[in-house]
């Protein structure tokens, strides 16, 4: 509302109009979206590479969600894990030390 009031005052009006509110919302989104746009541009120009073909043991692509105020967006992330030959079980380290709240179900591969 403050930004809408400022826009109305800058236009010489004492009353805030719907256009002032819409312009303030667009400006807020544009400011919050700068990091998201920067990440997309980095992917497009090749600065940030996301490998989407092939396979690597112990690596997968993931998506992390970032929140800036009320604006949320996803960004790609490489998730890696140490792997070794074993009995075909997953070990949830957080559960082992009683820090995690979820369950990791062992599966044989």
PDB file of N, CA and C in Angstrom:
ATOM      1  N   UNK A   1       0.826  -1.186   0.000  1.00  0.00           N
ATOM      2  CA  UNK A   1       0.000   0.000   0.000  1.00  0.00           C
ATOM      3  C   UNK A   1       0.875   1.258   0.000  1.00  0.00           C
ATOM      4  N   UNK A   2       1.981   1.212   0.733  1.00  0.00           N
ATOM      5  CA  UNK A   2       2.857   2.385   0.774  1.00  0.00           C
ATOM      6  C   UNK A   2       3.420   2.691  -0.608  1.00  0.00           C
ATOM      7  N   UNK A   3       3.826   1.641  -1.317  1.00  0.00           N
ATOM      8  CA  UNK A   3       4.372   1.857  -2.651  1.00  0.00           C
ATOM      9  C   UNK A   3       3.290   2.374  -3.599  1.00  0.00           C
ATOM     10  N   UNK A   4       2.068   1.868  -3.463  1.00  0.00           N
ATOM     11  CA  UNK A   4       0.950   2.356  -4.283  1.00  0.00           C
ATOM     12  C   UNK A   4       0.689   3.826  -3.993  1.00  0.00           C
ATOM     13  N   UNK A   5       0.730   4.194  -2.711  1.00  0.00           N
ATOM     14  CA  UNK A   5       0.520   5.588  -2.323  1.00  0.00           C
ATOM     15  C   UNK A   5       1.624   6.471  -2.892  1.00  0.00           C
ATOM     16  N   UNK A   6       2.848   5.980  -2.858  1.00  0.00           N
ATOM     17  CA  UNK A   6       3.969   6.752  -3.417  1.00  0.00           C
ATOM     18  C   UNK A   6       3.790   6.960  -4.922  1.00  0.00           C
ATOM     19  N   UNK A   7       3.379   5.909  -5.626  1.00  0.00           N
ATOM     20  CA  UNK A   7       3.169   6.027  -7.078  1.00  0.00           C
ATOM     21  C   UNK A   7       2.055   7.020  -7.395  1.00  0.00           C
ATOM     22  N   UNK A   8       0.985   6.982  -6.607  1.00  0.00           N
ATOM     23  CA  UNK A   8      -0.115   7.931  -6.825  1.00  0.00           C
ATOM     24  C   UNK A   8       0.374   9.357  -6.565  1.00  0.00           C
ATOM     25  N   UNK A   9       1.126   9.548  -5.488  1.00  0.00           N
ATOM     26  CA  UNK A   9       1.651  10.880  -5.177  1.00  0.00           C
ATOM     27  C   UNK A   9       2.605  11.378  -6.238  1.00  0.00           C
ATOM     28  N   UNK A  10       3.441  10.489  -6.785  1.00  0.00           N
ATOM     29  CA  UNK A  10       4.377  10.875  -7.840  1.00  0.00           C
ATOM     30  C   UNK A  10       3.636  11.287  -9.110  1.00  0.00           C
ATOM     31  N   UNK A  11       2.433  10.728  -9.301  1.00  0.00           N
ATOM     32  CA  UNK A  11       1.615  11.086 -10.463  1.00  0.00           C
ATOM     33  C   UNK A  11       0.743  12.299 -10.177  1.00  0.00           C
ATOM     34  N   UNK A  12       0.844  12.876  -8.955  1.00  0.00           N
ATOM     35  CA  UNK A  12       0.080  14.078  -8.613  1.00  0.00           C
ATOM     36  C   UNK A  12      -1.337  13.800  -8.162  1.00  0.00           C
ATOM     37  N   UNK A  13      -1.631  12.559  -7.751  1.00  0.00           N
ATOM     38  CA  UNK A  13      -2.973  12.216  -7.297  1.00  0.00           C
ATOM     39  C   UNK A  13      -2.975  11.998  -5.787  1.00  0.00           C
ATOM     40  N   UNK A  14      -4.044  12.411  -5.120  1.00  0.00           N
ATOM     41  CA  UNK A  14      -4.180  12.223  -3.680  1.00  0.00           C
ATOM     42  C   UNK A  14      -4.817  10.875  -3.349  1.00  0.00           C
ATOM     43  N   UNK A  15      -5.462  10.261  -4.331  1.00  0.00           N
ATOM     44  CA  UNK A  15      -6.153   8.985  -4.125  1.00  0.00           C
ATOM     45  C   UNK A  15      -5.446   7.901  -4.929  1.00  0.00           C
ATOM     46  N   UNK A  16      -5.244   6.740  -4.294  1.00  0.00           N
ATOM     47  CA  UNK A  16      -4.598   5.609  -4.944  1.00  0.00           C
ATOM     48  C   UNK A  16      -5.591   4.944  -5.890  1.00  0.00           C
ATOM     49  N   UNK A  17      -5.169   4.742  -7.127  1.00  0.00           N
ATOM     50  CA  UNK A  17      -6.012   4.087  -8.138  1.00  0.00           C
ATOM     51  C   UNK A  17      -5.592   2.628  -8.294  1.00  0.00           C
ATOM     52  N   UNK A  18      -6.436   1.849  -8.951  1.00  0.00           N
ATOM     53  CA  UNK A  18      -6.144   0.436  -9.194  1.00  0.00           C
ATOM     54  C   UNK A  18      -4.841   0.281  -9.982  1.00  0.00           C
ATOM     55  N   UNK A  19      -4.581   1.206 -10.918  1.00  0.00           N
ATOM     56  CA  UNK A  19      -3.345   1.144 -11.698  1.00  0.00           C
ATOM     57  C   UNK A  19      -2.117   1.292 -10.805  1.00  0.00           C
ATOM     58  N   UNK A  20      -2.219   2.120  -9.766  1.00  0.00           N
ATOM     59  CA  UNK A  20      -1.101   2.300  -8.833  1.00  0.00           C
ATOM     60  C   UNK A  20      -0.829   1.008  -8.069  1.00  0.00           C
ATOM     61  N   UNK A  21      -1.889   0.334  -7.652  1.00  0.00           N
ATOM     62  CA  UNK A  21      -1.740  -0.927  -6.921  1.00  0.00           C
ATOM     63  C   UNK A  21      -1.133  -1.986  -7.828  1.00  0.00           C
ATOM     64  N   UNK A  22      -1.621  -2.089  -9.055  1.00  0.00           N
ATOM     65  CA  UNK A  22      -1.092  -3.072  -9.998  1.00  0.00           C
ATOM     66  C   UNK A  22       0.372  -2.792 -10.317  1.00  0.00           C
ATOM     67  N   UNK A  23       0.735  -1.519 -10.477  1.00  0.00           N
ATOM     68  CA  UNK A  23       2.125  -1.162 -10.757  1.00  0.00           C
ATOM     69  C   UNK A  23       3.024  -1.508  -9.570  1.00  0.00           C
ATOM     70  N   UNK A  24       2.535  -1.292  -8.362  1.00  0.00           N
ATOM     71  CA  UNK A  24       3.313  -1.619  -7.164  1.00  0.00           C
ATOM     72  C   UNK A  24       3.519  -3.127  -7.052  1.00  0.00           C
ATOM     73  N   UNK A  25       2.497  -3.907  -7.357  1.00  0.00           N
ATOM     74  CA  UNK A  25       2.610  -5.371  -7.317  1.00  0.00           C
ATOM     75  C   UNK A  25       3.601  -5.851  -8.371  1.00  0.00           C
ATOM     76  N   UNK A  26       3.508  -5.309  -9.593  1.00  0.00           N
ATOM     77  CA  UNK A  26       4.450  -5.689 -10.657  1.00  0.00           C
ATOM     78  C   UNK A  26       5.886  -5.349 -10.266  1.00  0.00           C
ATOM     79  N   UNK A  27       6.089  -4.189  -9.653  1.00  0.00           N
ATOM     80  CA  UNK A  27       7.432  -3.783  -9.226  1.00  0.00           C
ATOM     81  C   UNK A  27       7.964  -4.717  -8.137  1.00  0.00           C
ATOM     82  N   UNK A  28       7.104  -5.111  -7.218  1.00  0.00           N
ATOM     83  CA  UNK A  28       7.516  -6.021  -6.153  1.00  0.00           C
ATOM     84  C   UNK A  28       7.915  -7.381  -6.736  1.00  0.00           C
ATOM     85  N   UNK A  29       7.139  -7.897  -7.667  1.00  0.00           N
ATOM     86  CA  UNK A  29       7.458  -9.172  -8.315  1.00  0.00           C
ATOM     87  C   UNK A  29       8.765  -9.054  -9.088  1.00  0.00           C
ATOM     88  N   UNK A  30       8.956  -7.960  -9.810  1.00  0.00           N
ATOM     89  CA  UNK A  30      10.176  -7.759 -10.590  1.00  0.00           C
ATOM     90  C   UNK A  30      11.409  -7.736  -9.680  1.00  0.00           C
ATOM     91  N   UNK A  31      11.309  -7.090  -8.529  1.00  0.00           N
ATOM     92  CA  UNK A  31      12.436  -7.054  -7.587  1.00  0.00           C
ATOM     93  C   UNK A  31      12.714  -8.433  -7.004  1.00  0.00           C
ATOM     94  N   UNK A  32      11.680  -9.148  -6.624  1.00  0.00           N
ATOM     95  CA  UNK A  32      11.846 -10.468  -6.015  1.00  0.00           C
ATOM     96  C   UNK A  32      12.301 -11.502  -7.032  1.00  0.00           C
ATOM     97  N   UNK A  33      12.004 -11.301  -8.297  1.00  0.00           N
ATOM     98  CA  UNK A  33      12.280 -12.277  -9.343  1.00  0.00           C
ATOM     99  C   UNK A  33      13.679 -12.146  -9.937  1.00  0.00           C
ATOM    100  N   UNK A  34      14.459 -11.176  -9.480  1.00  0.00           N
ATOM    101  CA  UNK A  34      15.779 -10.939 -10.078  1.00  0.00           C
ATOM    102  C   UNK A  34      16.692 -12.151  -9.974  1.00  0.00           C
ATOM    103  N   UNK A  35      16.745 -12.798  -8.817  1.00  0.00           N
ATOM    104  CA  UNK A  35      17.613 -13.963  -8.650  1.00  0.00           C
ATOM    105  C   UNK A  35      17.145 -15.115  -9.535  1.00  0.00           C
ATOM    106  N   UNK A  36      15.836 -15.326  -9.599  1.00  0.00           N
ATOM    107  CA  UNK A  36      15.279 -16.378 -10.445  1.00  0.00           C
ATOM    108  C   UNK A  36      15.652 -16.142 -11.912  1.00  0.00           C
ATOM    109  N   UNK A  37      15.496 -14.932 -12.376  1.00  0.00           N
ATOM    110  CA  UNK A  37      15.841 -14.589 -13.764  1.00  0.00           C
ATOM    111  C   UNK A  37      17.337 -14.790 -13.999  1.00  0.00           C
ATOM    112  N   UNK A  38      18.161 -14.416 -13.016  1.00  0.00           N
ATOM    113  CA  UNK A  38      19.611 -14.586 -13.128  1.00  0.00           C
ATOM    114  C   UNK A  38      19.972 -16.072 -13.281  1.00  0.00           C
ATOM    115  N   UNK A  39      19.327 -16.936 -12.526  1.00  0.00           N
ATOM    116  CA  UNK A  39      19.591 -18.379 -12.612  1.00  0.00           C
ATOM    117  C   UNK A  39      19.187 -18.913 -13.988  1.00  0.00           C
ATOM    118  N   UNK A  40      18.026 -18.511 -14.475  1.00  0.00           N
ATOM    119  CA  UNK A  40      17.573 -18.956 -15.807  1.00  0.00           C
ATOM    120  C   UNK A  40      18.540 -18.481 -16.886  1.00  0.00           C
ATOM    121  N   UNK A  41      18.995 -17.224 -16.798  1.00  0.00           N
ATOM    122  CA  UNK A  41      19.954 -16.701 -17.775  1.00  0.00           C
ATOM    123  C   UNK A  41      21.270 -17.477 -17.719  1.00  0.00           C
ATOM    124  N   UNK A  42      21.713 -17.847 -16.511  1.00  0.00           N
ATOM    125  CA  UNK A  42      22.950 -18.619 -16.373  1.00  0.00           C
ATOM    126  C   UNK A  42      22.816 -19.996 -17.011  1.00  0.00           C
ATOM    127  N   UNK A  43      21.647 -20.611 -16.918  1.00  0.00           N
ATOM    128  CA  UNK A  43      21.421 -21.906 -17.562  1.00  0.00           C
ATOM    129  C   UNK A  43      21.423 -21.735 -19.074  1.00  0.00           C
ATOM    130  N   UNK A  44      20.759 -20.697 -19.560  1.00  0.00           N
ATOM    131  CA  UNK A  44      20.667 -20.466 -21.009  1.00  0.00           C
ATOM    132  C   UNK A  44      22.037 -20.174 -21.612  1.00  0.00           C
ATOM    133  N   UNK A  45      22.851 -19.333 -20.947  1.00  0.00           N
ATOM    134  CA  UNK A  45      24.151 -18.980 -21.531  1.00  0.00           C
ATOM    135  C   UNK A  45      25.256 -19.987 -21.208  1.00  0.00           C
ATOM    136  N   UNK A  46      24.927 -21.042 -20.463  1.00  0.00           N
ATOM    137  CA  UNK A  46      25.889 -22.108 -20.216  1.00  0.00           C
ATOM    138  C   UNK A  46      26.786 -21.896 -19.012  1.00  0.00           C
ATOM    139  N   UNK A  47      26.603 -20.809 -18.278  1.00  0.00           N
ATOM    140  CA  UNK A  47      27.394 -20.572 -17.070  1.00  0.00           C
ATOM    141  C   UNK A  47      27.046 -21.600 -16.005  1.00  0.00           C
ATOM    142  N   UNK A  48      25.779 -21.925 -15.884  1.00  0.00           N
ATOM    143  CA  UNK A  48      25.301 -22.955 -14.961  1.00  0.00           C
ATOM    144  C   UNK A  48      24.846 -24.125 -15.813  1.00  0.00           C
ATOM    145  N   UNK A  49      25.557 -25.238 -15.704  1.00  0.00           N
ATOM    146  CA  UNK A  49      25.225 -26.383 -16.539  1.00  0.00           C
ATOM    147  C   UNK A  49      24.424 -27.406 -15.741  1.00  0.00           C
ATOM    148  N   UNK A  50      23.403 -27.928 -16.380  1.00  0.00           N
ATOM    149  CA  UNK A  50      22.565 -28.961 -15.783  1.00  0.00           C
ATOM    150  C   UNK A  50      22.608 -30.163 -16.719  1.00  0.00           C
ATOM    151  N   UNK A  51      23.274 -31.210 -16.274  1.00  0.00           N
ATOM    152  CA  UNK A  51      23.381 -32.411 -17.109  1.00  0.00           C
ATOM    153  C   UNK A  51      22.092 -33.204 -16.976  1.00  0.00           C
ATOM    154  N   UNK A  52      21.429 -33.428 -18.092  1.00  0.00           N
ATOM    155  CA  UNK A  52      20.136 -34.110 -18.066  1.00  0.00           C
ATOM    156  C   UNK A  52      20.160 -35.448 -18.793  1.00  0.00           C
ATOM    157  N   UNK A  53      21.305 -35.832 -19.340  1.00  0.00           N
ATOM    158  CA  UNK A  53      21.402 -37.113 -20.046  1.00  0.00           C
ATOM    159  C   UNK A  53      22.485 -37.960 -19.399  1.00  0.00           C
ATOM    160  N   UNK A  54      22.326 -39.258 -19.494  1.00  0.00           N
ATOM    161  CA  UNK A  54      23.328 -40.169 -18.958  1.00  0.00           C
ATOM    162  C   UNK A  54      23.073 -40.519 -17.503  1.00  0.00           C
ATOM    163  N   UNK A  55      23.969 -41.333 -16.979  1.00  0.00           N
ATOM    164  CA  UNK A  55      23.839 -41.805 -15.598  1.00  0.00           C
ATOM    165  C   UNK A  55      25.188 -41.740 -14.915  1.00  0.00           C
ATOM    166  N   UNK A  56      25.184 -41.441 -13.612  1.00  0.00           N
ATOM    167  CA  UNK A  56      26.383 -41.499 -12.775  1.00  0.00           C
ATOM    168  C   UNK A  56      25.999 -42.107 -11.447  1.00  0.00           C
ATOM    169  N   UNK A  57      26.761 -43.062 -11.009  1.00  0.00           N
ATOM    170  CA  UNK A  57      26.492 -43.691  -9.726  1.00  0.00           C
ATOM    171  C   UNK A  57      26.702 -42.662  -8.624  1.00  0.00           C
ATOM    172  N   UNK A  58      25.711 -42.551  -7.746  1.00  0.00           N
ATOM    173  CA  UNK A  58      25.816 -41.648  -6.598  1.00  0.00           C
ATOM    174  C   UNK A  58      25.449 -40.208  -6.895  1.00  0.00           C
ATOM    175  N   UNK A  59      24.892 -39.915  -8.082  1.00  0.00           N
ATOM    176  CA  UNK A  59      24.508 -38.545  -8.422  1.00  0.00           C
ATOM    177  C   UNK A  59      23.124 -38.523  -9.052  1.00  0.00           C
ATOM    178  N   UNK A  60      22.328 -37.532  -8.640  1.00  0.00           N
ATOM    179  CA  UNK A  60      21.026 -37.290  -9.272  1.00  0.00           C
ATOM    180  C   UNK A  60      20.809 -35.791  -9.358  1.00  0.00           C
ATOM    181  N   UNK A  61      19.908 -35.380 -10.218  1.00  0.00           N
ATOM    182  CA  UNK A  61      19.508 -33.977 -10.275  1.00  0.00           C
ATOM    183  C   UNK A  61      18.348 -33.766  -9.322  1.00  0.00           C
ATOM    184  N   UNK A  62      18.347 -32.634  -8.662  1.00  0.00           N
ATOM    185  CA  UNK A  62      17.269 -32.299  -7.743  1.00  0.00           C
ATOM    186  C   UNK A  62      16.805 -30.879  -7.988  1.00  0.00           C
ATOM    187  N   UNK A  63      15.849 -30.475  -7.235  1.00  0.00           N
ATOM    188  CA  UNK A  63      15.313 -29.118  -7.336  1.00  0.00           C
ATOM    189  C   UNK A  63      15.182 -28.560  -5.925  1.00  0.00           C
ATOM    190  N   UNK A  64      15.855 -27.446  -5.676  1.00  0.00           N
ATOM    191  CA  UNK A  64      15.709 -26.805  -4.374  1.00  0.00           C
ATOM    192  C   UNK A  64      14.766 -25.622  -4.550  1.00  0.00           C
ATOM    193  N   UNK A  65      13.994 -25.355  -3.550  1.00  0.00           N
ATOM    194  CA  UNK A  65      13.027 -24.255  -3.601  1.00  0.00           C
ATOM    195  C   UNK A  65      13.541 -23.124  -2.721  1.00  0.00           C
ATOM    196  N   UNK A  66      13.651 -21.939  -3.312  1.00  0.00           N
ATOM    197  CA  UNK A  66      14.087 -20.748  -2.579  1.00  0.00           C
ATOM    198  C   UNK A  66      12.896 -19.825  -2.382  1.00  0.00           C
ATOM    199  N   UNK A  67      12.833 -19.218  -1.212  1.00  0.00           N
ATOM    200  CA  UNK A  67      11.756 -18.266  -0.908  1.00  0.00           C
ATOM    201  C   UNK A  67      12.373 -16.904  -0.624  1.00  0.00           C
ATOM    202  N   UNK A  68      11.902 -15.899  -1.326  1.00  0.00           N
ATOM    203  CA  UNK A  68      12.274 -14.517  -1.061  1.00  0.00           C
ATOM    204  C   UNK A  68      10.990 -13.775  -0.753  1.00  0.00           C
ATOM    205  N   UNK A  69      10.723 -13.583   0.522  1.00  0.00           N
ATOM    206  CA  UNK A  69       9.451 -12.995   0.928  1.00  0.00           C
ATOM    207  C   UNK A  69       8.335 -13.963   0.589  1.00  0.00           C
ATOM    208  N   UNK A  70       7.380 -13.516  -0.203  1.00  0.00           N
ATOM    209  CA  UNK A  70       6.278 -14.391  -0.602  1.00  0.00           C
ATOM    210  C   UNK A  70       6.515 -15.009  -1.979  1.00  0.00           C
ATOM    211  N   UNK A  71       7.692 -14.753  -2.553  1.00  0.00           N
ATOM    212  CA  UNK A  71       8.020 -15.252  -3.890  1.00  0.00           C
ATOM    213  C   UNK A  71       8.868 -16.518  -3.769  1.00  0.00           C
ATOM    214  N   UNK A  72       8.422 -17.608  -4.380  1.00  0.00           N
ATOM    215  CA  UNK A  72       9.151 -18.873  -4.349  1.00  0.00           C
ATOM    216  C   UNK A  72       9.504 -19.286  -5.773  1.00  0.00           C
ATOM    217  N   UNK A  73      10.682 -19.894  -5.921  1.00  0.00           N
ATOM    218  CA  UNK A  73      11.084 -20.407  -7.222  1.00  0.00           C
ATOM    219  C   UNK A  73      12.017 -21.592  -7.015  1.00  0.00           C
ATOM    220  N   UNK A  74      12.115 -22.429  -8.034  1.00  0.00           N
ATOM    221  CA  UNK A  74      12.969 -23.604  -7.970  1.00  0.00           C
ATOM    222  C   UNK A  74      14.266 -23.368  -8.711  1.00  0.00           C
ATOM    223  N   UNK A  75      15.317 -24.040  -8.240  1.00  0.00           N
ATOM    224  CA  UNK A  75      16.599 -23.982  -8.932  1.00  0.00           C
ATOM    225  C   UNK A  75      17.211 -25.369  -8.924  1.00  0.00           C
ATOM    226  N   UNK A  76      17.869 -25.731 -10.023  1.00  0.00           N
ATOM    227  CA  UNK A  76      18.427 -27.076 -10.110  1.00  0.00           C
ATOM    228  C   UNK A  76      19.598 -27.258  -9.145  1.00  0.00           C
ATOM    229  N   UNK A  77      19.775 -28.475  -8.689  1.00  0.00           N
ATOM    230  CA  UNK A  77      20.877 -28.792  -7.785  1.00  0.00           C
ATOM    231  C   UNK A  77      21.342 -30.209  -8.059  1.00  0.00           C
ATOM    232  N   UNK A  78      22.627 -30.421  -7.996  1.00  0.00           N
ATOM    233  CA  UNK A  78      23.190 -31.760  -8.115  1.00  0.00           C
ATOM    234  C   UNK A  78      23.249 -32.352  -6.720  1.00  0.00           C
ATOM    235  N   UNK A  79      22.704 -33.545  -6.565  1.00  0.00           N
ATOM    236  CA  UNK A  79      22.706 -34.232  -5.279  1.00  0.00           C
ATOM    237  C   UNK A  79      23.647 -35.418  -5.407  1.00  0.00           C
ATOM    238  N   UNK A  80      24.631 -35.466  -4.533  1.00  0.00           N
ATOM    239  CA  UNK A  80      25.601 -36.551  -4.582  1.00  0.00           C
ATOM    240  C   UNK A  80      25.563 -37.338  -3.283  1.00  0.00           C
ATOM    241  N   UNK A  81      25.968 -38.581  -3.381  1.00  0.00           N
ATOM    242  CA  UNK A  81      26.018 -39.446  -2.206  1.00  0.00           C
ATOM    243  C   UNK A  81      27.236 -40.348  -2.313  1.00  0.00           C
ATOM    244  N   UNK A  82      27.783 -40.692  -1.167  1.00  0.00           N
ATOM    245  CA  UNK A  82      28.851 -41.678  -1.168  1.00  0.00           C
ATOM    246  C   UNK A  82      28.217 -43.046  -1.316  1.00  0.00           C
ATOM    247  N   UNK A  83      28.760 -43.842  -2.204  1.00  0.00           N
ATOM    248  CA  UNK A  83      28.221 -45.178  -2.417  1.00  0.00           C
ATOM    249  C   UNK A  83      29.347 -46.193  -2.261  1.00  0.00           C
ATOM    250  N   UNK A  84      28.965 -47.388  -1.902  1.00  0.00           N
ATOM    251  CA  UNK A  84      29.931 -48.475  -1.782  1.00  0.00           C
ATOM    252  C   UNK A  84      29.201 -49.785  -2.007  1.00  0.00           C
ATOM    253  N   UNK A  85      29.944 -50.798  -2.252  1.00  0.00           N
ATOM    254  CA  UNK A  85      29.360 -52.124  -2.390  1.00  0.00           C
ATOM    255  C   UNK A  85      28.926 -52.561  -0.998  1.00  0.00           C
ATOM    256  N   UNK A  86      27.706 -53.055  -0.911  1.00  0.00           N
ATOM    257  CA  UNK A  86      27.199 -53.464   0.389  1.00  0.00           C
ATOM    258  C   UNK A  86      26.104 -54.489   0.251  1.00  0.00           C
ATOM    259  N   UNK A  87      25.200 -54.490   1.211  1.00  0.00           N
ATOM    260  CA  UNK A  87      24.110 -55.471   1.245  1.00  0.00           C
ATOM    261  C   UNK A  87      22.858 -54.976   0.531  1.00  0.00           C
ATOM    262  N   UNK A  88      22.906 -53.853  -0.149  1.00  0.00           N
ATOM    263  CA  UNK A  88      21.738 -53.347  -0.850  1.00  0.00           C
ATOM    264  C   UNK A  88      20.786 -52.599   0.051  1.00  0.00           C
ATOM    265  N   UNK A  89      21.287 -51.930   1.086  1.00  0.00           N
ATOM    266  CA  UNK A  89      20.448 -51.186   2.030  1.00  0.00           C
ATOM    267  C   UNK A  89      20.820 -49.714   2.007  1.00  0.00           C
ATOM    268  N   UNK A  90      19.832 -48.885   2.285  1.00  0.00           N
ATOM    269  CA  UNK A  90      20.070 -47.464   2.481  1.00  0.00           C
ATOM    270  C   UNK A  90      20.290 -47.224   3.964  1.00  0.00           C
ATOM    271  N   UNK A  91      21.189 -46.326   4.282  1.00  0.00           N
ATOM    272  CA  UNK A  91      21.396 -45.946   5.675  1.00  0.00           C
ATOM    273  C   UNK A  91      21.060 -44.473   5.797  1.00  0.00           C
ATOM    274  N   UNK A  92      20.123 -44.147   6.650  1.00  0.00           N
ATOM    275  CA  UNK A  92      19.739 -42.768   6.911  1.00  0.00           C
ATOM    276  C   UNK A  92      20.537 -42.295   8.128  1.00  0.00           C
ATOM    277  N   UNK A  93      21.602 -41.548   7.870  1.00  0.00           N
ATOM    278  CA  UNK A  93      22.498 -41.116   8.945  1.00  0.00           C
ATOM    279  C   UNK A  93      21.742 -40.308   9.992  1.00  0.00           C
ATOM    280  N   UNK A  94      20.843 -39.413   9.540  1.00  0.00           N
ATOM    281  CA  UNK A  94      20.087 -38.599  10.502  1.00  0.00           C
ATOM    282  C   UNK A  94      19.234 -39.475  11.413  1.00  0.00           C
ATOM    283  N   UNK A  95      18.670 -40.539  10.865  1.00  0.00           N
ATOM    284  CA  UNK A  95      17.866 -41.433  11.695  1.00  0.00           C
ATOM    285  C   UNK A  95      18.763 -42.193  12.666  1.00  0.00           C
ATOM    286  N   UNK A  96      19.940 -42.585  12.200  1.00  0.00           N
ATOM    287  CA  UNK A  96      20.858 -43.336  13.054  1.00  0.00           C
ATOM    288  C   UNK A  96      21.264 -42.530  14.282  1.00  0.00           C
ATOM    289  N   UNK A  97      21.402 -41.213  14.130  1.00  0.00           N
ATOM    290  CA  UNK A  97      21.780 -40.373  15.272  1.00  0.00           C
ATOM    291  C   UNK A  97      20.559 -39.658  15.847  1.00  0.00           C
ATOM    292  N   UNK A  98      19.370 -40.096  15.431  1.00  0.00           N
ATOM    293  CA  UNK A  98      18.079 -39.612  15.930  1.00  0.00           C
ATOM    294  C   UNK A  98      17.867 -38.120  15.693  1.00  0.00           C
ATOM    295  N   UNK A  99      18.285 -37.635  14.507  1.00  0.00           N
ATOM    296  CA  UNK A  99      18.041 -36.245  14.121  1.00  0.00           C
ATOM    297  C   UNK A  99      16.934 -36.124  13.087  1.00  0.00           C
ATOM    298  N   UNK A 100      16.739 -37.177  12.297  1.00  0.00           N
ATOM    299  CA  UNK A 100      15.758 -37.117  11.211  1.00  0.00           C
ATOM    300  C   UNK A 100      14.383 -37.536  11.679  1.00  0.00           C
ATOM    301  N   UNK A 101      13.364 -36.977  11.030  1.00  0.00           N
ATOM    302  CA  UNK A 101      11.992 -37.326  11.373  1.00  0.00           C
ATOM    303  C   UNK A 101      11.398 -38.351  10.432  1.00  0.00           C
ATOM    304  N   UNK A 102      12.026 -38.544   9.266  1.00  0.00           N
ATOM    305  CA  UNK A 102      11.470 -39.455   8.272  1.00  0.00           C
ATOM    306  C   UNK A 102      12.048 -40.847   8.397  1.00  0.00           C
ATOM    307  N   UNK A 103      11.517 -41.716   7.592  1.00  0.00           N
ATOM    308  CA  UNK A 103      11.981 -43.104   7.577  1.00  0.00           C
ATOM    309  C   UNK A 103      12.629 -43.395   6.222  1.00  0.00           C
ATOM    310  N   UNK A 104      13.665 -44.161   6.246  1.00  0.00           N
ATOM    311  CA  UNK A 104      14.326 -44.614   5.021  1.00  0.00           C
ATOM    312  C   UNK A 104      14.125 -46.111   4.933  1.00  0.00           C
ATOM    313  N   UNK A 105      13.380 -46.554   3.954  1.00  0.00           N
ATOM    314  CA  UNK A 105      13.053 -47.975   3.824  1.00  0.00           C
ATOM    315  C   UNK A 105      14.147 -48.685   3.033  1.00  0.00           C
ATOM    316  N   UNK A 106      14.798 -49.693   3.633  1.00  0.00           N
ATOM    317  CA  UNK A 106      15.816 -50.439   2.890  1.00  0.00           C
ATOM    318  C   UNK A 106      15.190 -51.223   1.741  1.00  0.00           C
ATOM    319  N   UNK A 107      15.857 -51.177   0.601  1.00  0.00           N
ATOM    320  CA  UNK A 107      15.411 -51.939  -0.552  1.00  0.00           C
ATOM    321  C   UNK A 107      16.624 -52.627  -1.163  1.00  0.00           C
ATOM    322  N   UNK A 108      16.494 -53.836  -1.595  1.00  0.00           N
ATOM    323  CA  UNK A 108      17.576 -54.540  -2.283  1.00  0.00           C
ATOM    324  C   UNK A 108      17.547 -54.170  -3.765  1.00  0.00           C
ATOM    325  N   UNK A 109      18.721 -54.027  -4.329  1.00  0.00           N
ATOM    326  CA  UNK A 109      18.819 -53.714  -5.742  1.00  0.00           C
ATOM    327  C   UNK A 109      19.456 -54.840  -6.489  1.00  0.00           C
TER     328      UNK A 109
END
